[in-house]
Amino acid sequence: MQGRYVHLRSGVIIANAKQAEMIREPLADLEQLRLDAFDYVQDALEYINRRHPHVVIADYERFGAAGIHGLAEIMHIADCPVILIVRDVSEWEREQFNTLGVHAIFEGKFKLADLAASVDRALKRRRRIGSSDRLPVVSV
């Protein structure tokens, strides 16, 4: 067997314990992604400040009263793709998610395979962060 190094990518999931466990193991198997789970946004923020994950998966309900502002703060600090899980959202919230640059939104019931595919796309996008797509455009 040839030696092969696989870089284990890291992510953060902000959700209740039951939801986190349902998502954590399948994504670890499918995407070689280690997900650290947090029930509270503030705990996740502290972790993200220290560890800089490759992707954040968040249950939008966990943001509570902070709502869009809490999501914006997570996105700013994490500087990585964010995938949201929501029960139902208003058109205004959907517009805010698009404005903030949320990578994907999963509304209601969804297949874990679809979430895994979205995580895969997010991780590929993450590898491009820092390249020319993040450099300022200057016209001469």
N, C-alpha and C. Protein backbone atom coordinates (compact mmCIF):
# COMPACT_ATOMS: atom_id res chain seq x y z
N MET A 1 0.84 -1.19 0.00
CA MET A 1 0.00 0.00 0.00
C MET A 1 0.88 1.24 0.00
N GLN A 2 0.64 2.11 -0.92
CA GLN A 2 1.39 3.34 -0.99
C GLN A 2 0.97 4.28 0.13
N GLY A 3 1.95 5.01 0.68
CA GLY A 3 1.61 6.01 1.69
C GLY A 3 0.93 7.19 1.03
N ARG A 4 -0.18 7.58 1.57
CA ARG A 4 -0.92 8.72 1.01
C ARG A 4 -1.35 9.61 2.16
N TYR A 5 -1.04 10.87 2.07
CA TYR A 5 -1.40 11.82 3.10
C TYR A 5 -2.71 12.49 2.72
N VAL A 6 -3.65 12.40 3.59
CA VAL A 6 -4.93 13.08 3.37
C VAL A 6 -5.06 14.17 4.43
N HIS A 7 -5.19 15.39 3.96
CA HIS A 7 -5.34 16.50 4.91
C HIS A 7 -6.78 16.54 5.40
N LEU A 8 -6.95 16.34 6.69
CA LEU A 8 -8.29 16.38 7.27
C LEU A 8 -8.72 17.84 7.41
N ARG A 9 -9.78 18.18 6.75
CA ARG A 9 -10.27 19.55 6.79
C ARG A 9 -11.15 19.73 8.02
N SER A 10 -11.23 20.95 8.46
CA SER A 10 -12.00 21.21 9.68
C SER A 10 -13.19 22.12 9.37
N GLY A 11 -14.21 21.93 10.16
CA GLY A 11 -15.39 22.75 10.02
C GLY A 11 -16.04 22.95 11.37
N VAL A 12 -16.99 23.84 11.39
CA VAL A 12 -17.75 24.13 12.60
C VAL A 12 -19.21 23.93 12.28
N ILE A 13 -19.91 23.27 13.18
CA ILE A 13 -21.36 23.17 13.05
C ILE A 13 -21.98 23.82 14.28
N ILE A 14 -22.90 24.72 14.03
CA ILE A 14 -23.63 25.40 15.10
C ILE A 14 -25.06 24.88 15.04
N ALA A 15 -25.37 23.99 15.98
CA ALA A 15 -26.68 23.35 15.98
C ALA A 15 -26.91 22.69 17.32
N ASN A 16 -28.13 22.23 17.55
CA ASN A 16 -28.37 21.48 18.78
C ASN A 16 -27.66 20.13 18.67
N ALA A 17 -27.48 19.47 19.80
CA ALA A 17 -26.67 18.25 19.85
C ALA A 17 -27.21 17.16 18.92
N LYS A 18 -28.50 16.97 18.88
CA LYS A 18 -29.09 15.93 18.04
C LYS A 18 -28.83 16.19 16.56
N GLN A 19 -29.07 17.41 16.13
CA GLN A 19 -28.85 17.78 14.74
C GLN A 19 -27.36 17.66 14.38
N ALA A 20 -26.49 18.09 15.27
CA ALA A 20 -25.05 18.03 15.02
C ALA A 20 -24.60 16.59 14.83
N GLU A 21 -25.07 15.69 15.66
CA GLU A 21 -24.66 14.28 15.55
C GLU A 21 -25.17 13.64 14.27
N MET A 22 -26.37 14.03 13.83
CA MET A 22 -26.91 13.49 12.58
C MET A 22 -26.07 13.92 11.38
N ILE A 23 -25.45 15.07 11.46
CA ILE A 23 -24.68 15.62 10.35
C ILE A 23 -23.20 15.29 10.46
N ARG A 24 -22.66 15.29 11.65
CA ARG A 24 -21.22 15.17 11.88
C ARG A 24 -20.61 13.90 11.28
N GLU A 25 -21.12 12.76 11.64
CA GLU A 25 -20.50 11.50 11.22
C GLU A 25 -20.57 11.27 9.71
N PRO A 26 -21.74 11.47 9.07
CA PRO A 26 -21.77 11.27 7.62
C PRO A 26 -20.80 12.20 6.87
N LEU A 27 -20.69 13.45 7.31
CA LEU A 27 -19.76 14.35 6.63
C LEU A 27 -18.31 13.96 6.88
N ALA A 28 -18.03 13.43 8.05
CA ALA A 28 -16.67 12.95 8.33
C ALA A 28 -16.32 11.83 7.37
N ASP A 29 -17.26 10.92 7.12
CA ASP A 29 -17.03 9.80 6.22
C ASP A 29 -16.97 10.23 4.75
N LEU A 30 -17.94 11.05 4.34
CA LEU A 30 -18.04 11.43 2.94
C LEU A 30 -17.01 12.47 2.51
N GLU A 31 -16.74 13.43 3.35
CA GLU A 31 -15.92 14.57 2.96
C GLU A 31 -14.59 14.67 3.71
N GLN A 32 -14.28 13.69 4.54
CA GLN A 32 -13.07 13.74 5.36
C GLN A 32 -12.98 15.10 6.06
N LEU A 33 -14.06 15.41 6.73
CA LEU A 33 -14.22 16.70 7.38
C LEU A 33 -14.45 16.50 8.87
N ARG A 34 -13.60 17.09 9.68
CA ARG A 34 -13.81 17.05 11.13
C ARG A 34 -14.66 18.25 11.51
N LEU A 35 -15.83 17.98 12.07
CA LEU A 35 -16.74 19.05 12.47
C LEU A 35 -16.74 19.17 13.99
N ASP A 36 -16.42 20.35 14.48
CA ASP A 36 -16.54 20.64 15.89
C ASP A 36 -17.90 21.30 16.09
N ALA A 37 -18.68 20.76 17.00
CA ALA A 37 -20.06 21.21 17.18
C ALA A 37 -20.20 22.16 18.36
N PHE A 38 -21.05 23.16 18.17
CA PHE A 38 -21.33 24.15 19.22
C PHE A 38 -22.82 24.41 19.26
N ASP A 39 -23.32 24.47 20.47
CA ASP A 39 -24.74 24.75 20.67
C ASP A 39 -25.00 26.26 20.67
N TYR A 40 -23.99 27.03 21.08
CA TYR A 40 -24.13 28.48 21.20
C TYR A 40 -23.19 29.21 20.25
N VAL A 41 -23.72 30.25 19.62
CA VAL A 41 -22.96 31.02 18.65
C VAL A 41 -21.71 31.64 19.29
N GLN A 42 -21.83 32.14 20.50
CA GLN A 42 -20.68 32.79 21.16
C GLN A 42 -19.52 31.81 21.34
N ASP A 43 -19.82 30.57 21.72
CA ASP A 43 -18.77 29.55 21.85
C ASP A 43 -18.12 29.27 20.50
N ALA A 44 -18.94 29.21 19.47
CA ALA A 44 -18.43 28.98 18.11
C ALA A 44 -17.52 30.13 17.68
N LEU A 45 -17.92 31.37 17.99
CA LEU A 45 -17.11 32.53 17.63
C LEU A 45 -15.72 32.46 18.26
N GLU A 46 -15.67 32.10 19.53
CA GLU A 46 -14.37 31.99 20.21
C GLU A 46 -13.50 30.93 19.55
N TYR A 47 -14.10 29.80 19.20
CA TYR A 47 -13.37 28.72 18.55
C TYR A 47 -12.87 29.16 17.17
N ILE A 48 -13.76 29.80 16.40
CA ILE A 48 -13.42 30.24 15.04
C ILE A 48 -12.26 31.23 15.08
N ASN A 49 -12.24 32.11 16.08
CA ASN A 49 -11.13 33.05 16.23
C ASN A 49 -9.79 32.35 16.39
N ARG A 50 -9.81 31.19 17.05
CA ARG A 50 -8.56 30.46 17.30
C ARG A 50 -8.20 29.51 16.17
N ARG A 51 -9.17 28.87 15.57
CA ARG A 51 -8.88 27.73 14.69
C ARG A 51 -9.07 27.97 13.19
N HIS A 52 -9.82 28.94 12.78
CA HIS A 52 -10.04 29.26 11.36
C HIS A 52 -10.46 28.03 10.55
N PRO A 53 -11.71 27.60 10.68
CA PRO A 53 -12.18 26.40 9.97
C PRO A 53 -12.29 26.63 8.47
N HIS A 54 -12.46 25.53 7.74
CA HIS A 54 -12.60 25.59 6.29
C HIS A 54 -14.04 25.85 5.85
N VAL A 55 -15.00 25.51 6.72
CA VAL A 55 -16.41 25.69 6.41
C VAL A 55 -17.20 25.80 7.72
N VAL A 56 -18.29 26.55 7.67
CA VAL A 56 -19.20 26.65 8.81
C VAL A 56 -20.58 26.22 8.35
N ILE A 57 -21.18 25.31 9.11
CA ILE A 57 -22.55 24.88 8.87
C ILE A 57 -23.35 25.34 10.09
N ALA A 58 -24.39 26.11 9.87
CA ALA A 58 -25.10 26.68 11.01
C ALA A 58 -26.61 26.56 10.86
N ASP A 59 -27.25 26.17 11.95
CA ASP A 59 -28.70 26.21 12.06
C ASP A 59 -29.04 27.67 12.38
N TYR A 60 -29.73 28.33 11.47
CA TYR A 60 -29.99 29.76 11.62
C TYR A 60 -30.75 30.08 12.91
N GLU A 61 -31.54 29.15 13.40
CA GLU A 61 -32.28 29.39 14.65
C GLU A 61 -31.35 29.59 15.84
N ARG A 62 -30.13 29.06 15.78
CA ARG A 62 -29.19 29.20 16.89
C ARG A 62 -28.74 30.64 17.09
N PHE A 63 -28.94 31.49 16.08
CA PHE A 63 -28.53 32.89 16.19
C PHE A 63 -29.52 33.70 17.02
N GLY A 64 -30.71 33.16 17.22
CA GLY A 64 -31.70 33.80 18.08
C GLY A 64 -31.96 35.25 17.72
N ALA A 65 -31.96 36.10 18.73
CA ALA A 65 -32.27 37.52 18.54
C ALA A 65 -31.21 38.23 17.70
N ALA A 66 -29.99 37.73 17.70
CA ALA A 66 -28.91 38.36 16.92
C ALA A 66 -29.17 38.23 15.42
N GLY A 67 -29.83 37.16 15.01
CA GLY A 67 -30.23 36.97 13.62
C GLY A 67 -29.17 37.28 12.59
N ILE A 68 -29.51 38.15 11.67
CA ILE A 68 -28.63 38.52 10.55
C ILE A 68 -27.32 39.11 11.06
N HIS A 69 -27.38 39.91 12.12
CA HIS A 69 -26.16 40.53 12.64
C HIS A 69 -25.19 39.48 13.19
N GLY A 70 -25.72 38.47 13.88
CA GLY A 70 -24.88 37.38 14.39
C GLY A 70 -24.28 36.58 13.25
N LEU A 71 -25.07 36.32 12.22
CA LEU A 71 -24.58 35.60 11.05
C LEU A 71 -23.48 36.40 10.37
N ALA A 72 -23.68 37.70 10.21
CA ALA A 72 -22.67 38.56 9.58
C ALA A 72 -21.36 38.53 10.37
N GLU A 73 -21.47 38.53 11.69
CA GLU A 73 -20.26 38.48 12.52
C GLU A 73 -19.52 37.16 12.33
N ILE A 74 -20.25 36.06 12.33
CA ILE A 74 -19.63 34.75 12.10
C ILE A 74 -18.92 34.73 10.75
N MET A 75 -19.60 35.23 9.72
CA MET A 75 -19.03 35.20 8.37
C MET A 75 -17.78 36.05 8.28
N HIS A 76 -17.80 37.19 8.96
CA HIS A 76 -16.64 38.09 8.94
C HIS A 76 -15.44 37.44 9.64
N ILE A 77 -15.67 36.86 10.78
CA ILE A 77 -14.58 36.27 11.55
C ILE A 77 -14.09 34.98 10.91
N ALA A 78 -15.01 34.14 10.44
CA ALA A 78 -14.62 32.85 9.88
C ALA A 78 -13.90 32.99 8.55
N ASP A 79 -14.31 33.94 7.73
CA ASP A 79 -13.74 34.14 6.41
C ASP A 79 -13.67 32.82 5.64
N CYS A 80 -14.78 32.08 5.67
CA CYS A 80 -14.87 30.83 4.93
C CYS A 80 -16.33 30.65 4.50
N PRO A 81 -16.59 29.70 3.62
CA PRO A 81 -17.98 29.49 3.20
C PRO A 81 -18.87 29.10 4.37
N VAL A 82 -20.09 29.65 4.36
CA VAL A 82 -21.08 29.35 5.40
C VAL A 82 -22.30 28.72 4.73
N ILE A 83 -22.72 27.59 5.29
CA ILE A 83 -23.91 26.88 4.82
C ILE A 83 -24.95 26.99 5.92
N LEU A 84 -26.15 27.42 5.56
CA LEU A 84 -27.21 27.60 6.56
C LEU A 84 -28.27 26.51 6.44
N ILE A 85 -28.75 26.10 7.60
CA ILE A 85 -29.90 25.21 7.69
C ILE A 85 -31.01 26.03 8.34
N VAL A 86 -32.13 26.13 7.65
CA VAL A 86 -33.23 26.96 8.15
C VAL A 86 -34.54 26.17 8.05
N ARG A 87 -35.48 26.50 8.95
CA ARG A 87 -36.81 25.87 8.85
C ARG A 87 -37.60 26.55 7.75
N ASP A 88 -37.75 27.84 7.86
CA ASP A 88 -38.40 28.64 6.84
C ASP A 88 -37.86 30.06 6.99
N VAL A 89 -37.76 30.74 5.88
CA VAL A 89 -37.20 32.09 5.90
C VAL A 89 -38.10 33.02 5.10
N SER A 90 -38.05 34.27 5.48
CA SER A 90 -38.80 35.28 4.72
C SER A 90 -37.97 35.68 3.50
N GLU A 91 -38.62 36.34 2.59
CA GLU A 91 -37.92 36.83 1.39
C GLU A 91 -36.83 37.83 1.79
N TRP A 92 -37.12 38.66 2.81
CA TRP A 92 -36.13 39.64 3.28
C TRP A 92 -34.89 38.92 3.81
N GLU A 93 -35.09 37.86 4.60
CA GLU A 93 -33.95 37.10 5.14
C GLU A 93 -33.15 36.46 4.01
N ARG A 94 -33.85 35.90 3.04
CA ARG A 94 -33.17 35.28 1.89
C ARG A 94 -32.30 36.32 1.16
N GLU A 95 -32.84 37.53 0.99
CA GLU A 95 -32.06 38.61 0.36
C GLU A 95 -30.82 38.94 1.20
N GLN A 96 -30.99 38.98 2.51
CA GLN A 96 -29.86 39.26 3.40
C GLN A 96 -28.80 38.17 3.29
N PHE A 97 -29.23 36.91 3.24
CA PHE A 97 -28.29 35.80 3.09
C PHE A 97 -27.49 35.95 1.80
N ASN A 98 -28.18 36.30 0.71
CA ASN A 98 -27.50 36.50 -0.58
C ASN A 98 -26.53 37.67 -0.51
N THR A 99 -26.94 38.76 0.12
CA THR A 99 -26.07 39.93 0.26
C THR A 99 -24.81 39.59 1.06
N LEU A 100 -24.99 38.80 2.11
CA LEU A 100 -23.84 38.42 2.94
C LEU A 100 -22.93 37.42 2.23
N GLY A 101 -23.46 36.73 1.24
CA GLY A 101 -22.64 35.75 0.53
C GLY A 101 -22.69 34.35 1.13
N VAL A 102 -23.83 33.99 1.72
CA VAL A 102 -24.00 32.64 2.23
C VAL A 102 -23.82 31.66 1.08
N HIS A 103 -23.03 30.63 1.31
CA HIS A 103 -22.70 29.67 0.25
C HIS A 103 -23.93 28.87 -0.19
N ALA A 104 -24.71 28.36 0.77
CA ALA A 104 -25.89 27.55 0.43
C ALA A 104 -26.89 27.63 1.58
N ILE A 105 -28.16 27.43 1.22
CA ILE A 105 -29.24 27.43 2.21
C ILE A 105 -30.02 26.13 2.05
N PHE A 106 -30.16 25.41 3.14
CA PHE A 106 -30.98 24.20 3.16
C PHE A 106 -32.21 24.48 4.00
N GLU A 107 -33.35 24.46 3.33
CA GLU A 107 -34.60 24.83 3.98
C GLU A 107 -35.47 23.59 4.20
N GLY A 108 -36.00 23.46 5.42
CA GLY A 108 -36.86 22.32 5.73
C GLY A 108 -36.07 21.03 5.80
N LYS A 109 -36.65 19.96 5.26
CA LYS A 109 -35.98 18.66 5.22
C LYS A 109 -35.06 18.61 4.01
N PHE A 110 -33.92 17.94 4.18
CA PHE A 110 -32.96 17.83 3.08
C PHE A 110 -32.21 16.52 3.20
N LYS A 111 -31.60 16.10 2.11
CA LYS A 111 -30.82 14.87 2.09
C LYS A 111 -29.39 15.18 2.51
N LEU A 112 -28.82 14.30 3.32
CA LEU A 112 -27.43 14.49 3.74
C LEU A 112 -26.49 14.46 2.54
N ALA A 113 -26.84 13.71 1.50
CA ALA A 113 -26.01 13.67 0.30
C ALA A 113 -25.96 15.05 -0.36
N ASP A 114 -27.08 15.78 -0.34
CA ASP A 114 -27.10 17.14 -0.90
C ASP A 114 -26.24 18.08 -0.06
N LEU A 115 -26.32 17.92 1.26
CA LEU A 115 -25.48 18.74 2.14
C LEU A 115 -24.01 18.42 1.90
N ALA A 116 -23.69 17.14 1.76
CA ALA A 116 -22.30 16.74 1.51
C ALA A 116 -21.79 17.33 0.19
N ALA A 117 -22.63 17.33 -0.82
CA ALA A 117 -22.23 17.92 -2.11
C ALA A 117 -21.99 19.41 -1.97
N SER A 118 -22.82 20.08 -1.20
CA SER A 118 -22.64 21.51 -0.97
C SER A 118 -21.37 21.79 -0.18
N VAL A 119 -21.10 20.94 0.81
CA VAL A 119 -19.86 21.09 1.59
C VAL A 119 -18.66 20.88 0.68
N ASP A 120 -18.73 19.90 -0.21
CA ASP A 120 -17.63 19.65 -1.15
C ASP A 120 -17.37 20.88 -2.01
N ARG A 121 -18.43 21.49 -2.54
CA ARG A 121 -18.27 22.71 -3.34
C ARG A 121 -17.70 23.84 -2.49
N ALA A 122 -18.16 23.95 -1.25
CA ALA A 122 -17.66 25.00 -0.35
C ALA A 122 -16.17 24.81 -0.07
N LEU A 123 -15.75 23.58 0.14
CA LEU A 123 -14.34 23.31 0.41
C LEU A 123 -13.48 23.61 -0.81
N LYS A 124 -14.00 23.32 -1.98
CA LYS A 124 -13.26 23.66 -3.21
C LYS A 124 -13.15 25.17 -3.34
N ARG A 125 -14.23 25.89 -3.00
CA ARG A 125 -14.20 27.35 -3.03
C ARG A 125 -13.19 27.87 -2.02
N ARG A 126 -13.14 27.24 -0.85
CA ARG A 126 -12.23 27.66 0.22
C ARG A 126 -10.78 27.59 -0.24
N ARG A 127 -10.46 26.58 -1.05
CA ARG A 127 -9.08 26.46 -1.54
C ARG A 127 -8.72 27.63 -2.44
N ARG A 128 -9.74 28.22 -3.08
CA ARG A 128 -9.47 29.36 -3.96
C ARG A 128 -9.37 30.68 -3.21
N ILE A 129 -9.89 30.72 -1.97
CA ILE A 129 -9.81 31.95 -1.20
C ILE A 129 -8.35 32.28 -0.96
N GLY A 130 -8.00 33.51 -1.18
CA GLY A 130 -6.60 33.91 -1.03
C GLY A 130 -5.91 34.01 -2.38
N SER A 131 -6.56 33.49 -3.42
CA SER A 131 -5.97 33.59 -4.74
C SER A 131 -6.46 34.87 -5.40
N SER A 132 -6.36 34.95 -6.69
CA SER A 132 -6.67 36.19 -7.39
C SER A 132 -8.11 36.65 -7.20
N ASP A 133 -9.03 35.74 -6.84
CA ASP A 133 -10.42 36.18 -6.67
C ASP A 133 -10.60 37.06 -5.45
N ARG A 134 -9.59 37.14 -4.58
CA ARG A 134 -9.67 37.98 -3.40
C ARG A 134 -8.81 39.24 -3.51
N LEU A 135 -8.07 39.36 -4.59
CA LEU A 135 -7.22 40.54 -4.75
C LEU A 135 -8.05 41.71 -5.24
N PRO A 136 -7.69 42.92 -4.84
CA PRO A 136 -8.44 44.09 -5.31
C PRO A 136 -8.24 44.31 -6.80
N VAL A 137 -9.27 44.79 -7.43
CA VAL A 137 -9.20 45.08 -8.86
C VAL A 137 -8.81 46.55 -9.03
N VAL A 138 -7.79 46.77 -9.82
CA VAL A 138 -7.32 48.13 -10.06
C VAL A 138 -7.32 48.39 -11.55
N SER A 139 -7.98 49.45 -11.96
CA SER A 139 -7.95 49.78 -13.39
C SER A 139 -6.93 50.87 -13.63
N VAL A 140 -6.36 50.84 -14.79
CA VAL A 140 -5.32 51.82 -15.13
C VAL A 140 -5.78 52.74 -16.22
